[in-house]
Amino acid sequence: MGELTGSGSGTVALVDRANIAPHSPVATGVVAKCAEAAMLVGLVAVVPRLLGPADYGLFALALSLVTISSAAVSVGASPMLARFVPAANVSERKAVARTLGAGLARRRALITALAVVAAGTLAAIFPGTFPRLATALVALAVVLDVAATLCFQLALGLGRYRVWSFRYPVQNGVLTGAAVVLASVWGGTGAVAAITLASAAAFVMGAVAGALPLRGSGGRSAAPAGAVQFGRYHAIGGFLLMIAHRGGVVVVAIFAGARETGYAGLASGVGLAALYAVHQIFLLQLAALSERADEDVAAAERHARRLATQALVLLGAAAIGGAVALDTGLSAVFGEQFAAARTAFIPILVLLPLIPLATLGAQIASLRLRPKAVARASAAGLVTFLVTAPVVAAAWGAPGAPASLLATTLGFLTVLSFSLGGFAERRLYLAAGSCSLAALAIALVA
């Protein structure tokens, strides 16, 4: 990627060795995301075929509940640790990570315990609606996933980019393999058990990489100025976005039944995979830039915009290519039984080119230490979700989830653009909009 060096005048300049130079954090993230994509191919191609639409709807709902619960407890910490731990002196980074991590662990333990008690209560009172075994498996998966996430977030702050990057390739690989084996024996319940097993594997991996290195040596340090507030606003914004991102499948389940939920889960899963892939690569860049970003924010922002341009080229091409091959691609990848999910995939194609812009805005806000702007934009995204999801789900079923995901991103991007006074060149906005409109037109005409 790039590194900061002092110039002859004493000005700190960002020297670009290429945004995706070998062995850079961004290159590591790209390789990891390719590996994750390979795992996701198995997850979305093999598991739906094995379970069928109805059981896959149950699996997608359980996975969404685990992801929402874990993410709701864990949001905000990744950008905080990526922004403030690398910015500390090298000798103090472990102490800073230890201080910030201890505060995060206490809060998460309390919230997770309350969630487990609530799940147990629901299973005891309404065993027909909340089967005890499935509920227990989901609750255990949440506990393990929350703990794993904190460990990996600490690893990110400490510069262990490879470990942090390869969490989801490993976790999704375990999930896919376990789902195939367990579902063939116990059906939908076995698939839910696979989610728990995958979270357990992630926890073991994260504990070794992120938590154990902080044990024993040294003490704690005072939290960096502004870090707690930064994390708080990012947590609020992340919590609101997670509801909007993952809640669409739940809304479709309420309004349209298991089959439509399966279609919605499949389409939303593809869109979220792309969104989180870009987000995580930008987080790697944030951690790498934060060491000297305060000394030359403008240079750091140039790197962020360059990465957004590269991501737009890839996702714009994917959106247009996906629109051209939508009908044949759905049947070839997921099977004829998912051909009816075509309509649910159209909003995802429109969404893809907008992802780099929205992620760039969040990156610029972090570099400028403007967490309130992210929180406001996230609130706008949630409002658009609350308006869009029930209306579209009630009227058309499965498209409710992906359409609300698109609306959420548009609301977030619009408000963040105004809050930051514009964070990208006009041509980047025009390119993203043109790719989205082209994908929409092709998908509607084809």
Protein backbone atom coordinates (compact mmCIF):
# COMPACT_ATOMS: atom_id res chain seq x y z
CA MET A 1 0.00 0.00 0.00
CA GLY A 2 1.71 3.14 1.13
CA GLU A 3 3.92 4.40 3.89
CA LEU A 4 4.59 7.77 5.46
CA THR A 5 8.07 9.22 5.42
CA GLY A 6 9.49 12.56 6.43
CA SER A 7 10.45 14.88 3.59
CA GLY A 8 13.35 17.26 3.65
CA SER A 9 11.10 20.10 4.79
CA GLY A 10 9.79 18.04 7.66
CA THR A 11 6.41 17.57 6.03
CA VAL A 12 5.05 14.07 6.29
CA ALA A 13 4.21 12.74 2.85
CA LEU A 14 2.46 9.58 1.87
CA VAL A 15 4.58 7.59 -0.53
CA ASP A 16 2.45 5.28 -2.62
CA ARG A 17 3.93 1.91 -3.46
CA ALA A 18 0.58 1.02 -5.13
CA ASN A 19 -2.68 0.59 -3.39
CA ILE A 20 -2.51 -3.18 -3.64
CA ALA A 21 1.24 -3.78 -3.55
CA PRO A 22 2.31 -7.33 -2.59
CA HIS A 23 2.17 -8.02 1.14
CA SER A 24 0.26 -4.79 1.86
CA PRO A 25 -2.78 -4.94 4.17
CA VAL A 26 -5.11 -4.17 1.26
CA ALA A 27 -3.56 -6.94 -0.86
CA THR A 28 -3.99 -9.32 2.06
CA GLY A 29 -7.61 -8.30 2.31
CA VAL A 30 -8.20 -8.85 -1.39
CA VAL A 31 -6.70 -12.34 -1.25
CA ALA A 32 -8.78 -13.13 1.84
CA LYS A 33 -11.95 -11.90 0.16
CA CYS A 34 -11.25 -14.10 -2.85
CA ALA A 35 -10.93 -17.04 -0.48
CA GLU A 36 -14.12 -15.99 1.28
CA ALA A 37 -15.92 -15.72 -2.06
CA ALA A 38 -14.92 -19.28 -2.82
CA MET A 39 -16.37 -20.38 0.51
CA LEU A 40 -19.55 -18.39 -0.14
CA VAL A 41 -20.01 -20.11 -3.50
CA GLY A 42 -20.30 -23.35 -1.60
CA LEU A 43 -22.55 -21.80 1.03
CA VAL A 44 -25.02 -20.27 -1.42
CA ALA A 45 -24.83 -22.97 -4.11
CA VAL A 46 -24.59 -26.24 -2.17
CA VAL A 47 -26.58 -25.54 1.00
CA PRO A 48 -29.72 -24.14 -0.73
CA ARG A 49 -29.81 -27.15 -3.06
CA LEU A 50 -29.49 -29.53 -0.12
CA LEU A 51 -32.11 -27.88 2.09
CA GLY A 52 -34.63 -26.58 -0.44
CA PRO A 53 -36.36 -23.19 -0.20
CA ALA A 54 -38.33 -23.82 3.02
CA ASP A 55 -35.50 -25.28 5.13
CA TYR A 56 -33.05 -22.80 3.64
CA GLY A 57 -35.39 -20.04 4.79
CA LEU A 58 -35.10 -21.41 8.35
CA PHE A 59 -31.31 -21.59 8.03
CA ALA A 60 -31.10 -18.05 6.60
CA LEU A 61 -33.33 -16.72 9.39
CA ALA A 62 -31.20 -18.38 12.11
CA LEU A 63 -28.01 -17.09 10.51
CA SER A 64 -29.48 -13.60 10.29
CA LEU A 65 -30.48 -13.65 13.96
CA VAL A 66 -26.99 -14.75 15.04
CA THR A 67 -25.36 -12.14 12.83
CA ILE A 68 -27.67 -9.33 13.95
CA SER A 69 -27.21 -10.17 17.64
CA SER A 70 -23.43 -10.54 17.41
CA ALA A 71 -22.97 -7.45 15.28
CA ALA A 72 -25.29 -5.34 17.44
CA VAL A 73 -23.10 -6.05 20.46
CA SER A 74 -19.81 -5.67 18.58
CA VAL A 75 -20.27 -2.71 16.24
CA GLY A 76 -18.10 0.37 16.56
CA ALA A 77 -15.01 -1.35 17.90
CA SER A 78 -13.34 -2.21 14.57
CA PRO A 79 -12.96 1.40 13.35
CA MET A 80 -12.08 2.57 16.87
CA LEU A 81 -9.29 0.01 17.34
CA ALA A 82 -8.11 0.44 13.74
CA ARG A 83 -7.98 4.22 14.12
CA PHE A 84 -6.50 4.65 17.62
CA VAL A 85 -4.28 1.65 18.41
CA PRO A 86 -1.96 2.09 15.38
CA ALA A 87 -1.84 5.86 16.08
CA ALA A 88 -0.23 5.22 19.50
CA ASN A 89 3.51 4.89 19.97
CA VAL A 90 4.78 1.42 19.10
CA SER A 91 5.76 0.73 22.71
CA GLU A 92 2.27 1.65 23.95
CA ARG A 93 0.06 -0.12 21.42
CA LYS A 94 -0.48 -3.29 23.40
CA ALA A 95 -1.31 -1.27 26.51
CA VAL A 96 -3.80 0.86 24.58
CA ALA A 97 -5.35 -2.26 23.03
CA ARG A 98 -5.56 -3.86 26.46
CA THR A 99 -7.35 -0.81 27.92
CA LEU A 100 -9.84 -0.44 25.09
CA GLY A 101 -10.40 -4.20 24.86
CA ALA A 102 -11.12 -4.57 28.58
CA GLY A 103 -13.84 -1.92 28.42
CA LEU A 104 -15.38 -3.52 25.36
CA ALA A 105 -15.31 -6.98 26.95
CA ARG A 106 -17.17 -5.84 30.08
CA ARG A 107 -19.97 -4.20 28.12
CA ARG A 108 -20.34 -7.10 25.72
CA ALA A 109 -20.43 -9.70 28.47
CA LEU A 110 -23.32 -7.94 30.20
CA ILE A 111 -25.36 -7.42 27.03
CA THR A 112 -24.76 -10.97 25.80
CA ALA A 113 -25.80 -12.44 29.16
CA LEU A 114 -29.08 -10.51 29.00
CA ALA A 115 -29.68 -11.77 25.45
CA VAL A 116 -29.11 -15.39 26.53
CA VAL A 117 -31.55 -14.99 29.43
CA ALA A 118 -34.14 -13.52 27.06
CA ALA A 119 -33.72 -16.41 24.61
CA GLY A 120 -34.07 -18.97 27.40
CA THR A 121 -37.21 -17.28 28.66
CA LEU A 122 -38.81 -17.29 25.21
CA ALA A 123 -37.98 -20.98 24.73
CA ALA A 124 -39.46 -21.85 28.12
CA ILE A 125 -42.70 -19.89 27.61
CA PHE A 126 -43.24 -20.45 23.86
CA PRO A 127 -41.60 -23.81 23.02
CA GLY A 128 -43.72 -24.17 19.89
CA THR A 129 -42.50 -20.91 18.40
CA PHE A 130 -38.96 -21.11 19.85
CA PRO A 131 -37.89 -24.79 19.89
CA ARG A 132 -35.57 -25.29 22.81
CA LEU A 133 -32.76 -27.07 20.99
CA ALA A 134 -32.66 -24.63 18.07
CA THR A 135 -32.92 -21.64 20.43
CA ALA A 136 -30.09 -22.96 22.58
CA LEU A 137 -27.92 -23.48 19.51
CA VAL A 138 -28.55 -19.94 18.31
CA ALA A 139 -27.86 -18.47 21.77
CA LEU A 140 -24.59 -20.38 22.07
CA ALA A 141 -23.58 -19.26 18.58
CA VAL A 142 -24.18 -15.63 19.59
CA VAL A 143 -21.97 -15.96 22.70
CA LEU A 144 -19.14 -17.55 20.72
CA ASP A 145 -19.44 -15.10 17.85
CA VAL A 146 -19.36 -12.05 20.14
CA ALA A 147 -16.21 -13.32 21.86
CA ALA A 148 -14.58 -14.19 18.54
CA THR A 149 -15.31 -10.77 17.08
CA LEU A 150 -13.61 -8.94 19.96
CA CYS A 151 -10.51 -11.12 19.56
CA PHE A 152 -10.29 -10.41 15.85
CA GLN A 153 -10.88 -6.69 16.37
CA LEU A 154 -7.92 -6.61 18.77
CA ALA A 155 -5.83 -8.44 16.18
CA LEU A 156 -6.73 -5.76 13.62
CA GLY A 157 -5.67 -2.94 15.93
CA LEU A 158 -2.36 -4.70 16.62
CA GLY A 159 -1.60 -4.99 12.92
CA ARG A 160 -2.28 -8.71 12.55
CA TYR A 161 -3.93 -8.14 9.19
CA ARG A 162 -3.73 -11.69 7.88
CA VAL A 163 -5.47 -13.23 10.86
CA TRP A 164 -8.20 -10.60 10.84
CA SER A 165 -8.67 -10.92 7.07
CA PHE A 166 -9.00 -14.70 7.03
CA ARG A 167 -11.59 -15.00 9.78
CA TYR A 168 -14.58 -15.30 7.48
CA PRO A 169 -13.00 -17.58 4.89
CA VAL A 170 -12.33 -20.01 7.74
CA GLN A 171 -15.66 -19.48 9.48
CA ASN A 172 -17.70 -19.77 6.29
CA GLY A 173 -15.72 -22.81 5.21
CA VAL A 174 -16.53 -24.55 8.50
CA LEU A 175 -20.15 -23.41 8.21
CA THR A 176 -20.55 -24.81 4.70
CA GLY A 177 -18.92 -28.15 5.44
CA ALA A 178 -20.75 -28.61 8.72
CA ALA A 179 -24.09 -27.60 7.19
CA VAL A 180 -23.72 -30.18 4.42
CA VAL A 181 -22.86 -32.96 6.87
CA LEU A 182 -25.28 -32.10 9.68
CA ALA A 183 -28.20 -31.12 7.46
CA SER A 184 -28.00 -34.43 5.62
CA VAL A 185 -28.58 -36.14 8.97
CA TRP A 186 -30.81 -33.75 10.94
CA GLY A 187 -32.22 -31.42 8.30
CA GLY A 188 -32.88 -27.82 9.28
CA THR A 189 -31.83 -28.35 12.90
CA GLY A 190 -28.51 -29.76 11.74
CA ALA A 191 -27.95 -26.70 9.56
CA VAL A 192 -28.57 -24.46 12.59
CA ALA A 193 -26.08 -26.53 14.60
CA ALA A 194 -23.51 -25.86 11.87
CA ILE A 195 -23.79 -22.13 12.61
CA THR A 196 -22.81 -22.81 16.23
CA LEU A 197 -19.89 -24.98 15.20
CA ALA A 198 -18.59 -22.31 12.82
CA SER A 199 -18.75 -19.65 15.54
CA ALA A 200 -16.80 -21.95 17.88
CA ALA A 201 -14.07 -22.40 15.27
CA ALA A 202 -13.84 -18.64 14.82
CA PHE A 203 -13.53 -18.11 18.57
CA VAL A 204 -10.62 -20.54 18.88
CA MET A 205 -8.81 -18.91 15.97
CA GLY A 206 -9.43 -15.39 17.26
CA ALA A 207 -8.42 -16.15 20.83
CA VAL A 208 -5.06 -17.47 19.74
CA ALA A 209 -4.38 -14.49 17.47
CA GLY A 210 -5.95 -11.54 19.29
CA ALA A 211 -6.35 -12.26 22.99
CA LEU A 212 -3.37 -14.43 23.96
CA PRO A 213 -0.74 -11.93 22.72
CA LEU A 214 -2.09 -9.35 25.19
CA ARG A 215 -1.68 -11.58 28.23
CA GLY A 216 1.14 -11.31 30.73
CA SER A 217 3.39 -8.47 29.63
CA GLY A 218 2.82 -4.84 30.54
CA GLY A 219 -0.16 -3.06 32.00
CA ARG A 220 -2.78 -0.74 30.63
CA SER A 221 -2.64 2.77 29.32
CA ALA A 222 -5.09 5.63 29.46
CA ALA A 223 -7.59 5.55 26.61
CA PRO A 224 -6.54 7.92 23.79
CA ALA A 225 -8.36 11.24 23.78
CA GLY A 226 -11.60 10.97 21.83
CA ALA A 227 -11.40 7.20 21.38
CA VAL A 228 -14.36 6.34 23.61
CA GLN A 229 -16.60 8.95 21.99
CA PHE A 230 -15.44 7.85 18.54
CA GLY A 231 -16.31 4.25 19.38
CA ARG A 232 -19.65 5.22 20.89
CA TYR A 233 -20.86 7.06 17.79
CA HIS A 234 -19.62 4.30 15.50
CA ALA A 235 -21.39 1.76 17.70
CA ILE A 236 -24.64 3.67 17.42
CA GLY A 237 -24.29 3.99 13.67
CA GLY A 238 -23.25 0.38 13.24
CA PHE A 239 -26.13 -0.86 15.36
CA LEU A 240 -28.65 1.08 13.28
CA LEU A 241 -27.16 -0.16 10.02
CA MET A 242 -27.06 -3.76 11.17
CA ILE A 243 -30.77 -3.67 11.89
CA ALA A 244 -31.36 -2.34 8.39
CA HIS A 245 -28.91 -4.71 6.71
CA ARG A 246 -30.08 -7.91 8.38
CA GLY A 247 -33.63 -7.06 9.28
CA GLY A 248 -34.98 -7.30 5.75
CA VAL A 249 -35.01 -11.11 5.83
CA VAL A 250 -36.93 -11.04 9.10
CA VAL A 251 -39.49 -8.62 7.62
CA VAL A 252 -39.99 -10.87 4.60
CA ALA A 253 -40.44 -13.85 6.95
CA ILE A 254 -43.25 -11.97 8.70
CA PHE A 255 -45.06 -10.88 5.55
CA ALA A 256 -44.37 -13.57 2.95
CA GLY A 257 -43.55 -17.01 4.38
CA ALA A 258 -40.67 -19.45 4.22
CA ARG A 259 -40.23 -19.77 0.44
CA GLU A 260 -40.04 -16.03 -0.14
CA THR A 261 -37.75 -15.75 2.88
CA GLY A 262 -35.39 -18.21 1.23
CA TYR A 263 -35.29 -16.08 -1.94
CA ALA A 264 -34.80 -12.93 0.12
CA GLY A 265 -32.03 -14.49 2.19
CA LEU A 266 -30.21 -15.65 -0.93
CA ALA A 267 -30.31 -12.26 -2.69
CA SER A 268 -29.55 -10.24 0.44
CA GLY A 269 -26.70 -12.59 1.30
CA VAL A 270 -25.01 -11.88 -2.04
CA GLY A 271 -25.42 -8.13 -1.59
CA LEU A 272 -24.18 -8.13 1.99
CA ALA A 273 -21.20 -10.29 1.05
CA ALA A 274 -20.10 -7.61 -1.44
CA LEU A 275 -20.83 -4.78 0.98
CA TYR A 276 -18.91 -6.31 3.87
CA ALA A 277 -16.02 -7.34 1.64
CA VAL A 278 -15.44 -3.74 0.59
CA HIS A 279 -16.00 -2.50 4.14
CA GLN A 280 -13.43 -4.90 5.59
CA ILE A 281 -10.79 -4.05 2.98
CA PHE A 282 -11.27 -0.37 3.79
CA LEU A 283 -10.87 -1.17 7.50
CA LEU A 284 -7.52 -2.78 6.71
CA GLN A 285 -6.51 0.37 4.89
CA LEU A 286 -7.69 2.51 7.82
CA ALA A 287 -5.52 0.55 10.25
CA ALA A 288 -2.51 0.93 7.95
CA LEU A 289 -3.04 4.66 7.38
CA SER A 290 -3.84 5.59 10.98
CA GLU A 291 -0.23 5.42 12.15
CA ARG A 292 0.47 8.77 10.46
CA ALA A 293 -2.94 9.92 9.22
CA ASP A 294 -3.17 12.74 11.77
CA GLU A 295 -0.02 14.29 10.26
CA ASP A 296 -1.25 14.23 6.65
CA VAL A 297 -4.98 13.55 6.39
CA ALA A 298 -5.15 14.79 2.78
CA ALA A 299 -2.68 12.15 1.64
CA ALA A 300 -4.57 9.44 3.51
CA GLU A 301 -7.81 10.55 1.86
CA ARG A 302 -6.23 10.32 -1.58
CA HIS A 303 -5.40 6.69 -0.89
CA ALA A 304 -8.98 6.05 0.23
CA ARG A 305 -10.38 7.59 -2.94
CA ARG A 306 -8.02 5.55 -5.08
CA LEU A 307 -9.16 2.36 -3.39
CA ALA A 308 -12.81 3.37 -3.90
CA THR A 309 -12.17 3.89 -7.62
CA GLN A 310 -10.62 0.45 -7.94
CA ALA A 311 -13.55 -1.12 -6.09
CA LEU A 312 -16.04 0.72 -8.30
CA VAL A 313 -14.43 -0.65 -11.47
CA LEU A 314 -14.84 -4.20 -10.16
CA LEU A 315 -18.34 -3.87 -8.72
CA GLY A 316 -19.64 -1.80 -11.62
CA ALA A 317 -18.52 -4.49 -14.05
CA ALA A 318 -20.00 -7.17 -11.79
CA ALA A 319 -23.36 -5.37 -11.71
CA ILE A 320 -23.62 -5.01 -15.49
CA GLY A 321 -22.31 -8.52 -16.14
CA GLY A 322 -24.69 -9.93 -13.54
CA ALA A 323 -27.64 -8.20 -15.18
CA VAL A 324 -26.75 -9.69 -18.57
CA ALA A 325 -26.40 -13.22 -17.16
CA LEU A 326 -29.08 -13.01 -14.46
CA ASP A 327 -31.52 -15.62 -15.76
CA THR A 328 -29.00 -18.25 -16.80
CA GLY A 329 -26.77 -17.52 -13.81
CA LEU A 330 -29.45 -18.10 -11.18
CA SER A 331 -30.41 -21.49 -12.57
CA ALA A 332 -26.82 -22.56 -13.15
CA VAL A 333 -25.54 -21.56 -9.71
CA PHE A 334 -28.51 -22.15 -7.41
CA GLY A 335 -30.67 -24.60 -9.35
CA GLU A 336 -34.01 -24.30 -11.11
CA GLN A 337 -35.88 -24.15 -7.81
CA PHE A 338 -34.38 -20.69 -7.20
CA ALA A 339 -35.13 -19.28 -10.67
CA ALA A 340 -38.09 -17.40 -9.16
CA ALA A 341 -35.62 -15.37 -7.06
CA ARG A 342 -34.80 -13.28 -10.15
CA THR A 343 -36.80 -10.24 -9.04
CA ALA A 344 -35.11 -10.23 -5.64
CA PHE A 345 -31.67 -9.96 -7.27
CA ILE A 346 -32.40 -6.84 -9.32
CA PRO A 347 -32.02 -4.39 -6.37
CA ILE A 348 -28.72 -6.08 -5.50
CA LEU A 349 -27.37 -5.39 -9.00
CA VAL A 350 -28.31 -1.72 -8.58
CA LEU A 351 -26.67 -1.66 -5.16
CA LEU A 352 -23.24 -3.03 -6.14
CA PRO A 353 -21.77 0.13 -7.76
CA LEU A 354 -22.92 2.29 -4.82
CA ILE A 355 -21.05 0.25 -2.21
CA PRO A 356 -17.59 1.79 -2.83
CA LEU A 357 -19.00 5.32 -2.52
CA ALA A 358 -20.79 4.62 0.76
CA THR A 359 -17.73 2.87 2.20
CA LEU A 360 -15.45 5.69 1.08
CA GLY A 361 -17.65 8.17 2.94
CA ALA A 362 -17.33 6.19 6.17
CA GLN A 363 -13.55 5.97 5.67
CA ILE A 364 -13.19 9.72 5.14
CA ALA A 365 -15.29 10.39 8.25
CA SER A 366 -13.00 8.13 10.29
CA LEU A 367 -9.84 9.75 8.98
CA ARG A 368 -11.25 13.19 9.81
CA LEU A 369 -12.45 11.96 13.22
CA ARG A 370 -16.09 12.79 12.37
CA PRO A 371 -18.00 9.89 13.97
CA LYS A 372 -21.16 11.95 14.44
CA ALA A 373 -21.52 12.20 10.66
CA VAL A 374 -21.52 8.40 10.42
CA ALA A 375 -24.14 8.13 13.18
CA ARG A 376 -26.44 10.64 11.45
CA ALA A 377 -26.09 8.91 8.09
CA SER A 378 -26.80 5.53 9.70
CA ALA A 379 -29.97 6.91 11.28
CA ALA A 380 -31.09 8.07 7.84
CA GLY A 381 -30.35 4.61 6.47
CA LEU A 382 -32.48 2.99 9.15
CA VAL A 383 -35.38 5.33 8.44
CA THR A 384 -35.33 4.39 4.75
CA PHE A 385 -35.26 0.71 5.75
CA LEU A 386 -38.26 1.07 8.06
CA VAL A 387 -40.24 2.72 5.27
CA THR A 388 -39.16 0.45 2.42
CA ALA A 389 -38.94 -3.07 3.89
CA PRO A 390 -42.53 -3.62 5.07
CA VAL A 391 -44.08 -1.88 2.06
CA VAL A 392 -42.13 -3.87 -0.55
CA ALA A 393 -42.29 -7.15 1.40
CA ALA A 394 -46.06 -6.89 1.83
CA ALA A 395 -46.58 -6.08 -1.84
CA TRP A 396 -44.00 -8.32 -3.58
CA GLY A 397 -42.50 -10.64 -0.97
CA ALA A 398 -38.82 -11.51 -1.41
CA PRO A 399 -37.70 -8.22 -3.04
CA GLY A 400 -38.51 -6.47 0.24
CA ALA A 401 -35.17 -7.41 1.80
CA PRO A 402 -32.81 -6.47 -1.07
CA ALA A 403 -34.85 -3.36 -1.93
CA SER A 404 -34.60 -2.15 1.66
CA LEU A 405 -30.85 -2.83 1.60
CA LEU A 406 -30.55 -0.63 -1.49
CA ALA A 407 -32.70 2.09 0.09
CA THR A 408 -30.64 1.98 3.28
CA THR A 409 -27.42 2.51 1.33
CA LEU A 410 -28.90 5.40 -0.63
CA GLY A 411 -30.11 7.11 2.55
CA PHE A 412 -26.74 6.61 4.24
CA LEU A 413 -24.79 7.87 1.23
CA THR A 414 -26.97 10.94 0.71
CA VAL A 415 -26.79 12.20 4.29
CA LEU A 416 -23.08 11.44 4.64
CA SER A 417 -22.32 13.34 1.44
CA PHE A 418 -24.04 16.44 2.79
CA SER A 419 -22.47 16.07 6.25
CA LEU A 420 -18.93 15.88 4.88
CA GLY A 421 -19.45 18.51 2.21
CA GLY A 422 -18.80 15.98 -0.52
CA PHE A 423 -16.00 13.48 -0.09
CA ALA A 424 -15.37 12.34 -3.69
CA GLU A 425 -15.02 13.85 -7.13
CA ARG A 426 -18.22 14.31 -9.11
CA ARG A 427 -17.03 11.83 -11.71
CA LEU A 428 -16.99 9.08 -9.09
CA TYR A 429 -20.64 9.77 -8.23
CA LEU A 430 -21.52 9.85 -11.94
CA ALA A 431 -19.70 6.61 -12.65
CA ALA A 432 -21.42 4.78 -9.78
CA GLY A 433 -24.86 6.10 -10.75
CA SER A 434 -24.35 5.22 -14.40
CA CYS A 435 -23.36 1.64 -13.60
CA SER A 436 -26.38 1.22 -11.32
CA LEU A 437 -28.81 2.56 -13.92
CA ALA A 438 -27.25 0.44 -16.65
CA ALA A 439 -27.59 -2.71 -14.54
CA LEU A 440 -31.21 -1.86 -13.76
CA ALA A 441 -32.10 -1.22 -17.40
CA ILE A 442 -30.48 -4.44 -18.61
CA ALA A 443 -32.13 -6.54 -15.89
CA LEU A 444 -35.58 -5.10 -16.64
CA VAL A 445 -35.29 -5.49 -20.40
CA ALA A 446 -33.68 -8.93 -20.45
